C-alpha atoms as a PDB file:
ATOM      1  CA  MET A   1      86.882  96.939  49.974  1.00  0.00           C
ATOM      2  CA  THR A   2      86.694 100.274  51.717  1.00  0.00           C
ATOM      3  CA  GLY A   3      90.100 101.531  52.856  1.00  0.00           C
ATOM      4  CA  ILE A   4      91.360 104.324  55.050  1.00  0.00           C
ATOM      5  CA  LYS A   5      91.915 106.509  51.962  1.00  0.00           C
ATOM      6  CA  ASP A   6      88.180 106.296  51.203  1.00  0.00           C
ATOM      7  CA  VAL A   7      87.402 107.408  54.748  1.00  0.00           C
ATOM      8  CA  ALA A   8      89.861 110.287  54.449  1.00  0.00           C
ATOM      9  CA  GLU A   9      88.245 111.455  51.212  1.00  0.00           C
ATOM     10  CA  ARG A  10      84.736 111.226  52.693  1.00  0.00           C
ATOM     11  CA  ALA A  11      85.809 113.134  55.819  1.00  0.00           C
ATOM     12  CA  GLY A  12      87.887 115.690  53.949  1.00  0.00           C
ATOM     13  CA  LEU A  13      90.907 114.880  56.093  1.00  0.00           C
ATOM     14  CA  SER A  14      94.381 113.487  55.528  1.00  0.00           C
ATOM     15  CA  VAL A  15      95.011 109.757  55.885  1.00  0.00           C
ATOM     16  CA  ALA A  16      97.337 110.464  58.822  1.00  0.00           C
ATOM     17  CA  THR A  17      94.659 112.467  60.652  1.00  0.00           C
ATOM     18  CA  VAL A  18      92.054 109.758  60.109  1.00  0.00           C
ATOM     19  CA  SER A  19      94.479 107.111  61.356  1.00  0.00           C
ATOM     20  CA  ARG A  20      95.173 109.080  64.546  1.00  0.00           C
ATOM     21  CA  ALA A  21      91.481 109.838  65.056  1.00  0.00           C
ATOM     22  CA  LEU A  22      90.325 106.235  64.741  1.00  0.00           C
ATOM     23  CA  SER A  23      93.196 104.740  66.745  1.00  0.00           C
ATOM     24  CA  GLY A  24      92.943 107.297  69.537  1.00  0.00           C
ATOM     25  CA  LYS A  25      96.656 108.060  69.234  1.00  0.00           C
ATOM     26  CA  GLY A  26      98.119 111.519  68.746  1.00  0.00           C
ATOM     27  CA  ASN A  27      96.594 114.979  68.832  1.00  0.00           C
ATOM     28  CA  VAL A  28      93.385 115.352  66.832  1.00  0.00           C
ATOM     29  CA  SER A  29      90.776 118.059  67.300  1.00  0.00           C
ATOM     30  CA  PRO A  30      87.352 116.907  68.520  1.00  0.00           C
ATOM     31  CA  THR A  31      85.790 118.132  65.253  1.00  0.00           C
ATOM     32  CA  SER A  32      88.207 116.153  63.064  1.00  0.00           C
ATOM     33  CA  ARG A  33      87.846 113.075  65.241  1.00  0.00           C
ATOM     34  CA  GLU A  34      84.059 113.194  64.915  1.00  0.00           C
ATOM     35  CA  ARG A  35      84.273 113.697  61.120  1.00  0.00           C
ATOM     36  CA  ALA A  36      86.609 110.710  60.814  1.00  0.00           C
ATOM     37  CA  ARG A  37      84.387 108.484  62.948  1.00  0.00           C
ATOM     38  CA  ALA A  38      81.247 109.529  61.086  1.00  0.00           C
ATOM     39  CA  ALA A  39      82.859 108.815  57.707  1.00  0.00           C
ATOM     40  CA  ALA A  40      84.138 105.440  58.907  1.00  0.00           C
ATOM     41  CA  SER A  41      80.677 104.550  60.199  1.00  0.00           C
ATOM     42  CA  GLU A  42      78.999 105.545  56.933  1.00  0.00           C
ATOM     43  CA  LEU A  43      81.437 103.423  54.925  1.00  0.00           C
ATOM     44  CA  GLY A  44      81.484 100.496  57.370  1.00  0.00           C
ATOM     45  CA  PHE A  45      85.229 100.864  57.867  1.00  0.00           C
ATOM     46  CA  VAL A  46      87.062  99.400  60.885  1.00  0.00           C
ATOM     47  CA  LEU A  47      90.713 100.250  61.455  1.00  0.00           C
ATOM     48  CA  SER A  48      92.979  97.199  61.209  1.00  0.00           C
ATOM     49  CA  TYR A  49      95.145  97.126  64.288  1.00  0.00           C
ATOM     50  CA  HIS A  50      97.170  94.296  62.760  1.00  0.00           C
ATOM     51  CA  ALA A  51      98.121  96.460  59.814  1.00  0.00           C
ATOM     52  CA  SER A  52      98.757  99.391  62.153  1.00  0.00           C
ATOM     53  CA  SER A  53     101.055  97.230  64.275  1.00  0.00           C
ATOM     54  CA  LEU A  54     103.028  96.078  61.253  1.00  0.00           C
ATOM     55  CA  ALA A  55     103.526  99.669  60.177  1.00  0.00           C
ATOM     56  CA  SER A  56     104.434 101.093  63.581  1.00  0.00           C
ATOM     57  CA  GLY A  57     106.047  98.094  65.259  1.00  0.00           C
ATOM     58  CA  ARG A  58     103.630  98.555  68.176  1.00  0.00           C
ATOM     59  CA  THR A  59     100.884  96.187  69.299  1.00  0.00           C
ATOM     60  CA  HIS A  60      98.802  98.628  71.393  1.00  0.00           C
ATOM     61  CA  ASN A  61      98.831  95.921  74.039  1.00  0.00           C
ATOM     62  CA  VAL A  62     100.278  95.978  77.578  1.00  0.00           C
ATOM     63  CA  GLY A  63     101.122  92.871  79.600  1.00  0.00           C
ATOM     64  CA  LEU A  64     100.085  92.878  83.261  1.00  0.00           C
ATOM     65  CA  VAL A  65     101.713  90.252  85.503  1.00  0.00           C
ATOM     66  CA  VAL A  66     100.233  89.472  88.935  1.00  0.00           C
ATOM     67  CA  PRO A  67     100.857  86.768  91.569  1.00  0.00           C
ATOM     68  CA  SER A  68      97.109  86.145  91.955  1.00  0.00           C
ATOM     69  CA  VAL A  69      93.725  87.401  90.779  1.00  0.00           C
ATOM     70  CA  HIS A  70      91.861  86.242  93.889  1.00  0.00           C
ATOM     71  CA  ARG A  71      93.226  88.779  96.373  1.00  0.00           C
ATOM     72  CA  TRP A  72      91.518  92.160  96.549  1.00  0.00           C
ATOM     73  CA  PHE A  73      94.639  94.286  96.073  1.00  0.00           C
ATOM     74  CA  PHE A  74      95.628  92.582  92.835  1.00  0.00           C
ATOM     75  CA  SER A  75      92.114  92.659  91.394  1.00  0.00           C
ATOM     76  CA  ALA A  76      91.829  96.363  92.265  1.00  0.00           C
ATOM     77  CA  VAL A  77      95.150  97.137  90.530  1.00  0.00           C
ATOM     78  CA  ILE A  78      93.935  95.203  87.485  1.00  0.00           C
ATOM     79  CA  GLU A  79      90.684  97.184  87.469  1.00  0.00           C
ATOM     80  CA  GLY A  80      92.506 100.514  87.622  1.00  0.00           C
ATOM     81  CA  ALA A  81      95.011  99.569  84.923  1.00  0.00           C
ATOM     82  CA  SER A  82      92.356  98.053  82.670  1.00  0.00           C
ATOM     83  CA  ALA A  83      90.188 101.178  82.786  1.00  0.00           C
ATOM     84  CA  ALA A  84      93.161 103.429  81.985  1.00  0.00           C
ATOM     85  CA  LEU A  85      94.259 101.215  79.082  1.00  0.00           C
ATOM     86  CA  LEU A  86      90.744 101.059  77.674  1.00  0.00           C
ATOM     87  CA  GLU A  87      90.498 104.837  77.817  1.00  0.00           C
ATOM     88  CA  ALA A  88      93.809 105.081  75.931  1.00  0.00           C
ATOM     89  CA  GLY A  89      92.749 102.566  73.272  1.00  0.00           C
ATOM     90  CA  TYR A  90      95.085  99.793  74.425  1.00  0.00           C
ATOM     91  CA  ASP A  91      94.449  96.096  74.994  1.00  0.00           C
ATOM     92  CA  LEU A  92      95.517  94.256  78.144  1.00  0.00           C
ATOM     93  CA  THR A  93      97.034  90.786  78.364  1.00  0.00           C
ATOM     94  CA  LEU A  94      96.848  89.365  81.899  1.00  0.00           C
ATOM     95  CA  TYR A  95      99.431  86.878  83.177  1.00  0.00           C
ATOM     96  CA  ASN A  96      98.430  85.258  86.489  1.00  0.00           C
ATOM     97  CA  ILE A  97     101.533  83.341  87.551  1.00  0.00           C
ATOM     98  CA  GLY A  98     100.132  81.940  90.806  1.00  0.00           C
ATOM     99  CA  GLU A  99     102.462  80.042  93.129  1.00  0.00           C
ATOM    100  CA  ASN A 100     104.130  77.954  90.417  1.00  0.00           C
ATOM    101  CA  PRO A 101     107.769  79.056  89.831  1.00  0.00           C
ATOM    102  CA  GLU A 102     107.660  77.507  86.358  1.00  0.00           C
ATOM    103  CA  HIS A 103     104.804  79.815  85.369  1.00  0.00           C
ATOM    104  CA  ARG A 104     106.840  82.835  86.392  1.00  0.00           C
ATOM    105  CA  HIS A 105     109.846  81.597  84.419  1.00  0.00           C
ATOM    106  CA  SER A 106     107.692  80.987  81.333  1.00  0.00           C
ATOM    107  CA  VAL A 107     106.110  84.435  81.486  1.00  0.00           C
ATOM    108  CA  PHE A 108     109.347  86.404  81.849  1.00  0.00           C
ATOM    109  CA  ASN A 109     111.548  84.229  79.680  1.00  0.00           C
ATOM    110  CA  ASP A 110     109.123  83.351  76.906  1.00  0.00           C
ATOM    111  CA  PHE A 111     105.674  84.953  76.719  1.00  0.00           C
ATOM    112  CA  LEU A 112     106.746  88.567  77.332  1.00  0.00           C
ATOM    113  CA  LEU A 113     109.573  88.262  74.806  1.00  0.00           C
ATOM    114  CA  ARG A 114     107.330  87.295  71.871  1.00  0.00           C
ATOM    115  CA  LYS A 115     106.727  90.913  70.883  1.00  0.00           C
ATOM    116  CA  ARG A 116     102.999  90.628  71.612  1.00  0.00           C
ATOM    117  CA  VAL A 117     103.058  93.521  74.097  1.00  0.00           C
ATOM    118  CA  ASP A 118     104.481  97.032  73.961  1.00  0.00           C
ATOM    119  CA  ALA A 119     105.208  97.238  77.687  1.00  0.00           C
ATOM    120  CA  VAL A 120     104.901  95.352  80.973  1.00  0.00           C
ATOM    121  CA  ILE A 121     103.424  96.129  84.392  1.00  0.00           C
ATOM    122  CA  ALA A 122     104.617  93.784  87.171  1.00  0.00           C
ATOM    123  CA  VAL A 123     102.602  93.826  90.411  1.00  0.00           C
ATOM    124  CA  SER A 124     104.189  92.839  93.743  1.00  0.00           C
ATOM    125  CA  LEU A 125     106.935  90.882  91.996  1.00  0.00           C
ATOM    126  CA  GLU A 126     110.573  91.509  92.874  1.00  0.00           C
ATOM    127  CA  LEU A 127     112.153  90.989  89.461  1.00  0.00           C
ATOM    128  CA  SER A 128     115.800  90.138  89.022  1.00  0.00           C
ATOM    129  CA  GLU A 129     118.169  92.353  87.081  1.00  0.00           C
ATOM    130  CA  ALA A 130     118.365  89.634  84.415  1.00  0.00           C
ATOM    131  CA  GLU A 131     114.572  89.613  83.965  1.00  0.00           C
ATOM    132  CA  ILE A 132     114.499  93.396  83.637  1.00  0.00           C
ATOM    133  CA  GLN A 133     117.473  93.491  81.256  1.00  0.00           C
ATOM    134  CA  GLN A 134     115.813  90.914  79.000  1.00  0.00           C
ATOM    135  CA  LEU A 135     112.745  93.134  78.635  1.00  0.00           C
ATOM    136  CA  HIS A 136     114.864  96.226  78.032  1.00  0.00           C
ATOM    137  CA  ALA A 137     116.884  94.364  75.404  1.00  0.00           C
ATOM    138  CA  MET A 138     113.609  93.708  73.565  1.00  0.00           C
ATOM    139  CA  HIS A 139     112.699  97.404  73.956  1.00  0.00           C
ATOM    140  CA  ARG A 140     109.852  96.550  76.290  1.00  0.00           C
ATOM    141  CA  PRO A 141     109.614  99.203  79.050  1.00  0.00           C
ATOM    142  CA  ILE A 142     108.475  98.012  82.465  1.00  0.00           C
ATOM    143  CA  VAL A 143     106.797  99.578  85.472  1.00  0.00           C
ATOM    144  CA  GLY A 144     106.714  97.757  88.793  1.00  0.00           C
ATOM    145  CA  ILE A 145     104.099  98.197  91.511  1.00  0.00           C
ATOM    146  CA  GLY A 146     104.944  97.308  95.098  1.00  0.00           C
ATOM    147  CA  GLY A 147     108.631  98.000  95.563  1.00  0.00           C
ATOM    148  CA  PRO A 148     111.912  99.110  93.986  1.00  0.00           C
ATOM    149  CA  LEU A 149     113.189  97.390  90.846  1.00  0.00           C
ATOM    150  CA  PRO A 150     116.763  97.920  89.610  1.00  0.00           C
ATOM    151  CA  GLY A 151     116.813  99.953  86.418  1.00  0.00           C
ATOM    152  CA  ALA A 152     113.015 100.191  86.119  1.00  0.00           C
ATOM    153  CA  SER A 153     110.289 102.671  87.019  1.00  0.00           C
ATOM    154  CA  THR A 154     108.397 101.750  90.147  1.00  0.00           C
ATOM    155  CA  ILE A 155     105.281 102.826  92.026  1.00  0.00           C
ATOM    156  CA  ARG A 156     105.125 101.979  95.705  1.00  0.00           C
ATOM    157  CA  ILE A 157     103.868 103.031  99.090  1.00  0.00           C
ATOM    158  CA  ASP A 158     106.015 103.434 102.214  1.00  0.00           C
ATOM    159  CA  ASP A 159     104.925 100.272 104.036  1.00  0.00           C
ATOM    160  CA  SER A 160     106.950 100.984 107.155  1.00  0.00           C
ATOM    161  CA  ALA A 161     105.594 104.528 107.448  1.00  0.00           C
ATOM    162  CA  ILE A 162     101.948 103.536 107.006  1.00  0.00           C
ATOM    163  CA  ALA A 163     102.331 100.740 109.570  1.00  0.00           C
ATOM    164  CA  ARG A 164     103.670 103.323 112.020  1.00  0.00           C
ATOM    165  CA  LYS A 165     100.776 105.634 111.153  1.00  0.00           C
ATOM    166  CA  ALA A 166      98.240 102.859 111.763  1.00  0.00           C
ATOM    167  CA  THR A 167      99.819 101.910 115.079  1.00  0.00           C
ATOM    168  CA  ASN A 168     100.095 105.542 116.155  1.00  0.00           C
ATOM    169  CA  HIS A 169      96.388 105.989 115.452  1.00  0.00           C
ATOM    170  CA  LEU A 170      95.621 103.247 117.975  1.00  0.00           C
ATOM    171  CA  LEU A 171      98.200 104.573 120.446  1.00  0.00           C
ATOM    172  CA  GLY A 172      96.716 108.051 120.087  1.00  0.00           C
ATOM    173  CA  LEU A 173      93.327 106.710 121.150  1.00  0.00           C
ATOM    174  CA  GLY A 174      94.918 105.413 124.341  1.00  0.00           C
ATOM    175  CA  HIS A 175      95.557 101.769 123.456  1.00  0.00           C
ATOM    176  CA  THR A 176      98.733 100.164 124.774  1.00  0.00           C
ATOM    177  CA  LYS A 177      97.756  96.492 124.553  1.00  0.00           C
ATOM    178  CA  ILE A 178      97.930  96.179 120.758  1.00  0.00           C
ATOM    179  CA  ALA A 179      98.249  92.938 118.792  1.00  0.00           C
ATOM    180  CA  HIS A 180      99.448  92.622 115.214  1.00  0.00           C
ATOM    181  CA  ILE A 181      98.337  90.158 112.539  1.00  0.00           C
ATOM    182  CA  THR A 182     101.075  89.879 109.948  1.00  0.00           C
ATOM    183  CA  GLY A 183     101.610  87.817 106.800  1.00  0.00           C
ATOM    184  CA  ASN A 184     103.302  84.434 106.988  1.00  0.00           C
ATOM    185  CA  GLU A 185     106.708  83.626 105.488  1.00  0.00           C
ATOM    186  CA  ALA A 186     105.311  82.694 102.081  1.00  0.00           C
ATOM    187  CA  TYR A 187     104.287  86.337 101.581  1.00  0.00           C
ATOM    188  CA  ASP A 188     107.614  87.767 102.723  1.00  0.00           C
ATOM    189  CA  GLN A 189     109.497  86.764  99.574  1.00  0.00           C
ATOM    190  CA  ASP A 190     108.789  89.675  97.214  1.00  0.00           C
ATOM    191  CA  PHE A 191     109.640  93.077  98.743  1.00  0.00           C
ATOM    192  CA  HIS A 192     109.295  91.620 102.284  1.00  0.00           C
ATOM    193  CA  LEU A 193     105.968  93.387 102.828  1.00  0.00           C
ATOM    194  CA  PRO A 194     104.844  91.538 106.007  1.00  0.00           C
ATOM    195  CA  GLY A 195     108.219  92.051 107.674  1.00  0.00           C
ATOM    196  CA  THR A 196     108.340  95.716 106.703  1.00  0.00           C
ATOM    197  CA  ARG A 197     104.878  96.426 108.114  1.00  0.00           C
ATOM    198  CA  ARG A 198     105.662  94.454 111.254  1.00  0.00           C
ATOM    199  CA  SER A 199     108.844  96.507 111.736  1.00  0.00           C
ATOM    200  CA  GLY A 200     106.814  99.716 111.417  1.00  0.00           C
ATOM    201  CA  PHE A 201     104.396  98.423 114.055  1.00  0.00           C
ATOM    202  CA  GLU A 202     107.215  97.505 116.439  1.00  0.00           C
ATOM    203  CA  GLU A 203     108.982 100.854 115.930  1.00  0.00           C
ATOM    204  CA  ALA A 204     105.826 102.778 116.813  1.00  0.00           C
ATOM    205  CA  MET A 205     105.230 100.636 119.893  1.00  0.00           C
ATOM    206  CA  ASN A 206     108.831 101.005 121.082  1.00  0.00           C
ATOM    207  CA  ASP A 207     108.789 104.770 120.487  1.00  0.00           C
ATOM    208  CA  ALA A 208     105.673 104.979 122.666  1.00  0.00           C
ATOM    209  CA  GLY A 209     107.287 102.872 125.390  1.00  0.00           C
ATOM    210  CA  CYS A 210     104.730 100.092 124.959  1.00  0.00           C
ATOM    211  CA  PRO A 211     105.857  96.468 125.131  1.00  0.00           C
ATOM    212  CA  VAL A 212     105.519  94.272 122.031  1.00  0.00           C
ATOM    213  CA  ARG A 213     104.243  90.925 123.238  1.00  0.00           C
ATOM    214  CA  PRO A 214     105.433  88.033 121.037  1.00  0.00           C
ATOM    215  CA  GLU A 215     102.254  86.026 121.707  1.00  0.00           C
ATOM    216  CA  TRP A 216     100.240  88.920 120.287  1.00  0.00           C
ATOM    217  CA  ILE A 217     101.993  88.823 116.923  1.00  0.00           C
ATOM    218  CA  VAL A 218     100.293  86.156 114.825  1.00  0.00           C
ATOM    219  CA  SER A 219     100.616  85.222 111.168  1.00  0.00           C
ATOM    220  CA  ALA A 220      98.014  84.560 108.494  1.00  0.00           C
ATOM    221  CA  ASP A 221      97.849  84.371 104.701  1.00  0.00           C
ATOM    222  CA  PHE A 222      96.371  87.825 103.936  1.00  0.00           C
ATOM    223  CA  THR A 223      92.905  86.321 103.469  1.00  0.00           C
ATOM    224  CA  ILE A 224      89.725  86.791 105.492  1.00  0.00           C
ATOM    225  CA  GLU A 225      89.565  83.060 106.217  1.00  0.00           C
ATOM    226  CA  GLY A 226      93.186  82.793 107.303  1.00  0.00           C
ATOM    227  CA  ALA A 227      92.990  85.813 109.578  1.00  0.00           C
ATOM    228  CA  TYR A 228      89.700  84.591 111.040  1.00  0.00           C
ATOM    229  CA  ALA A 229      91.405  81.393 112.209  1.00  0.00           C
ATOM    230  CA  ALA A 230      94.473  83.251 113.503  1.00  0.00           C
ATOM    231  CA  ALA A 231      92.375  85.853 115.330  1.00  0.00           C
ATOM    232  CA  ARG A 232      90.282  83.172 117.022  1.00  0.00           C
ATOM    233  CA  GLN A 233      93.455  81.778 118.572  1.00  0.00           C
ATOM    234  CA  LEU A 234      94.631  85.258 119.529  1.00  0.00           C
ATOM    235  CA  LEU A 235      91.352  86.209 121.192  1.00  0.00           C
ATOM    236  CA  ALA A 236      90.703  82.860 122.881  1.00  0.00           C
ATOM    237  CA  SER A 237      92.682  83.769 126.008  1.00  0.00           C
ATOM    238  CA  ALA A 238      89.852  85.605 127.758  1.00  0.00           C
ATOM    239  CA  PRO A 239      91.733  86.766 130.911  1.00  0.00           C
ATOM    240  CA  ASP A 240      94.289  88.747 128.948  1.00  0.00           C
ATOM    241  CA  ARG A 241      93.207  89.971 125.550  1.00  0.00           C
ATOM    242  CA  PRO A 242      94.565  92.901 123.558  1.00  0.00           C
ATOM    243  CA  SER A 243      92.371  95.991 123.436  1.00  0.00           C
ATOM    244  CA  ALA A 244      93.226  96.616 119.765  1.00  0.00           C
ATOM    245  CA  VAL A 245      94.423  94.709 116.700  1.00  0.00           C
ATOM    246  CA  PHE A 246      96.360  96.180 113.810  1.00  0.00           C
ATOM    247  CA  ALA A 247      96.144  93.854 110.792  1.00  0.00           C
ATOM    248  CA  ALA A 248      98.600  94.148 107.897  1.00  0.00           C
ATOM    249  CA  SER A 249      95.722  94.123 105.375  1.00  0.00           C
ATOM    250  CA  ASP A 250      92.035  94.977 105.319  1.00  0.00           C
ATOM    251  CA  GLU A 251      91.085  91.408 104.493  1.00  0.00           C
ATOM    252  CA  MET A 252      92.866  90.212 107.638  1.00  0.00           C
ATOM    253  CA  ALA A 253      91.203  93.012 109.621  1.00  0.00           C
ATOM    254  CA  ILE A 254      87.815  91.813 108.374  1.00  0.00           C
ATOM    255  CA  GLY A 255      88.681  88.258 109.463  1.00  0.00           C
ATOM    256  CA  THR A 256      89.570  89.636 112.902  1.00  0.00           C
ATOM    257  CA  ILE A 257      86.219  91.421 113.213  1.00  0.00           C
ATOM    258  CA  LEU A 258      84.381  88.186 112.378  1.00  0.00           C
ATOM    259  CA  ALA A 259      86.424  86.247 114.944  1.00  0.00           C
ATOM    260  CA  ALA A 260      85.748  88.882 117.614  1.00  0.00           C
ATOM    261  CA  ARG A 261      82.009  88.504 117.086  1.00  0.00           C
ATOM    262  CA  ASP A 262      82.308  84.765 117.767  1.00  0.00           C
ATOM    263  CA  PHE A 263      83.533  85.643 121.273  1.00  0.00           C
ATOM    264  CA  GLY A 264      80.794  88.195 121.815  1.00  0.00           C
ATOM    265  CA  LEU A 265      83.249  91.081 121.574  1.00  0.00           C
ATOM    266  CA  ARG A 266      81.804  94.375 120.366  1.00  0.00           C
ATOM    267  CA  ILE A 267      83.700  96.471 117.826  1.00  0.00           C
ATOM    268  CA  PRO A 268      85.022  98.963 118.913  1.00  0.00           C
ATOM    269  CA  ASP A 269      83.708  98.872 122.501  1.00  0.00           C
ATOM    270  CA  ASP A 270      85.626  95.725 123.467  1.00  0.00           C
ATOM    271  CA  LEU A 271      88.157  95.614 120.645  1.00  0.00           C
ATOM    272  CA  SER A 272      89.405  98.183 118.147  1.00  0.00           C
ATOM    273  CA  VAL A 273      90.482  96.853 114.742  1.00  0.00           C
ATOM    274  CA  MET A 274      92.210  98.561 111.833  1.00  0.00           C
ATOM    275  CA  GLY A 275      93.901  97.492 108.612  1.00  0.00           C
ATOM    276  CA  ILE A 276      95.721  98.691 105.522  1.00  0.00           C
ATOM    277  CA  ASP A 277      94.391  98.762 101.938  1.00  0.00           C
ATOM    278  CA  GLY A 278      91.175 100.667 101.290  1.00  0.00           C
ATOM    279  CA  HIS A 279      89.128  97.523 100.623  1.00  0.00           C
ATOM    280  CA  ASP A 280      85.659  98.014  99.129  1.00  0.00           C
ATOM    281  CA  LEU A 281      84.077  96.301 102.146  1.00  0.00           C
ATOM    282  CA  GLY A 282      85.744  98.693 104.556  1.00  0.00           C
ATOM    283  CA  ASN A 283      83.012 101.295 104.281  1.00  0.00           C
ATOM    284  CA  VAL A 284      80.263  98.693 104.811  1.00  0.00           C
ATOM    285  CA  LEU A 285      81.949  97.311 107.943  1.00  0.00           C
ATOM    286  CA  GLY A 286      83.069 100.689 109.274  1.00  0.00           C
ATOM    287  CA  LEU A 287      86.713  99.614 109.110  1.00  0.00           C
ATOM    288  CA  THR A 288      89.401 102.144 109.959  1.00  0.00           C
ATOM    289  CA  THR A 289      92.215 101.749 107.464  1.00  0.00           C
ATOM    290  CA  ILE A 290      95.106 103.271 105.564  1.00  0.00           C
ATOM    291  CA  ASP A 291      93.799 103.617 102.003  1.00  0.00           C
ATOM    292  CA  GLN A 292      96.591 102.914  99.517  1.00  0.00           C
ATOM    293  CA  ASP A 293      94.410 103.542  96.426  1.00  0.00           C
ATOM    294  CA  ALA A 294      95.132 100.270  94.596  1.00  0.00           C
ATOM    295  CA  LYS A 295      93.067 101.280  91.550  1.00  0.00           C
ATOM    296  CA  GLY A 296      94.938 104.556  91.380  1.00  0.00           C
ATOM    297  CA  GLN A 297      98.264 102.716  91.454  1.00  0.00           C
ATOM    298  CA  GLY A 298      97.187 100.624  88.464  1.00  0.00           C
ATOM    299  CA  ALA A 299      96.064 103.715  86.536  1.00  0.00           C
ATOM    300  CA  LEU A 300      99.287 105.570  87.378  1.00  0.00           C
ATOM    301  CA  ALA A 301     101.360 102.639  86.106  1.00  0.00           C
ATOM    302  CA  VAL A 302      99.552 102.870  82.764  1.00  0.00           C
ATOM    303  CA  ARG A 303     100.072 106.633  82.504  1.00  0.00           C
ATOM    304  CA  THR A 304     103.738 106.202  83.403  1.00  0.00           C
ATOM    305  CA  LEU A 305     104.174 103.710  80.557  1.00  0.00           C
ATOM    306  CA  LEU A 306     102.064 105.277  77.844  1.00  0.00           C
ATOM    307  CA  GLY A 307     103.439 108.793  78.156  1.00  0.00           C
ATOM    308  CA  PRO A 308     106.886 107.927  76.743  1.00  0.00           C
ATOM    309  CA  ILE A 309     105.573 105.175  74.427  1.00  0.00           C
ATOM    310  CA  THR A 310     103.144 107.419  72.563  1.00  0.00           C
ATOM    311  CA  LYS A 311     105.866 110.053  72.157  1.00  0.00           C
ATOM    312  CA  GLY A 312     108.520 107.589  71.032  1.00  0.00           C
ATOM    313  CA  LEU A 313     110.650 108.284  74.116  1.00  0.00           C
ATOM    314  CA  VAL A 314     112.600 106.000  76.444  1.00  0.00           C
ATOM    315  CA  LEU A 315     111.029 105.371  79.859  1.00  0.00           C
ATOM    316  CA  GLU A 316     113.604 106.570  82.368  1.00  0.00           C
ATOM    317  CA  PRO A 317     113.828 104.710  85.706  1.00  0.00           C
ATOM    318  CA  ALA A 318     112.052 106.543  88.525  1.00  0.00           C
ATOM    319  CA  ASP A 319     110.824 105.600  91.989  1.00  0.00           C
ATOM    320  CA  THR A 320     107.391 107.107  92.717  1.00  0.00           C
ATOM    321  CA  GLU A 321     105.860 106.974  96.183  1.00  0.00           C
ATOM    322  CA  HIS A 322     102.075 106.814  95.876  1.00  0.00           C
ATOM    323  CA  PRO A 323     100.127 108.810  98.487  1.00  0.00           C
ATOM    324  CA  THR A 324      98.071 107.059 101.161  1.00  0.00           C
ATOM    325  CA  GLN A 325      95.323 108.299 103.451  1.00  0.00           C
ATOM    326  CA  LEU A 326      94.215 107.444 106.977  1.00  0.00           C
ATOM    327  CA  VAL A 327      90.467 106.764 106.887  1.00  0.00           C
ATOM    328  CA  VAL A 328      88.958 106.739 110.373  1.00  0.00           C
ATOM    329  CA  ARG A 329      85.692 104.863 110.727  1.00  0.00           C
ATOM    330  CA  SER A 330      83.794 103.168 113.534  1.00  0.00           C
ATOM    331  CA  SER A 331      86.019 100.112 114.128  1.00  0.00           C
ATOM    332  CA  THR A 332      88.452 102.071 116.342  1.00  0.00           C
ATOM    333  CA  ALA A 333      87.733 104.044 119.492  1.00  0.00           C
ATOM    334  CA  VAL A 334      89.086 104.979 122.913  1.00  0.00           C
ATOM    335  CA  PRO A 335      89.529 101.786 124.975  1.00  0.00           C
ATOM    336  CA  LYS A 336      87.209 101.016 127.867  1.00  0.00           C
ATOM    337  CA  ALA A 337      88.533 101.767 131.323  1.00  0.00           C
ATOM    338  CA  GLY A 338      90.772  98.970 132.519  1.00  0.00           C
ATOM    339  CA  THR A 339      91.310  97.398 129.067  1.00  0.00           C
ATOM    340  CA  PHE A 340      94.043  99.584 127.603  1.00  0.00           C
END
């Protein structure tokens, strides 16, 4: 059978150079990489990643753990991470733990400790110190997305600040009667995202001297369907409606827009709506939002992990705040006279 030595002889390169060229790891000149690939193709040689893993102790595989694959944010993070891993020549193993606590326990106390992955990316999961220490004890570096993790590198956005920015955008247009659609208690467990964004909304309103009306703060499940139902209740009181709605996610903002149309309300003439995320549908619907670049967060998590791994270094804990951007579209405008 053809081996890597045969490829090296055909290419006129060292075995080490051919190995790096075919695996995509290490520094290899474009000319040498092309010679190695051409020789391998001529000889019908495919690099054995199993043998490479046995020799290096690395699997070239990263585990990605998410609470769900159905929500846009998580799928966008997966897309960004997957593309970055593919570009780097790494495989991805996806763990979708869902709402079952036993699944989470199995993933962090069994599956991730079987030495099948080189590193772990945890998305919107507030891991315990014990869970993190177990991974470190197995020499499995971890990067978290969504909030701070003790002793681990994290990538996050400032949820309170972007909620204030979103609210201030509406206040700056002249709105004072602003409602807020937040996440329900089930989504306030890991990193307390709904509560943090609600606090940012309330701070901006209080700073502007605008009252926060309890009946105008409604909860939903971060889905279009859930927000649609919640917004219908919010907008049903025709004599006294808000002039603007700030939703804690783009999907809930989209649900609000659909509910407003049921009542014959025009966006933004009768009701301004904005969200947070940077959802793909935002451009189609003209949704004003705070774009948190979910795909970019996934790609950054991969780069954060692979940099030290490929160099044989230890990943030092670091807290990285990912940039966000206010994207103004047609769903927000100056309120009509008498509605603000």
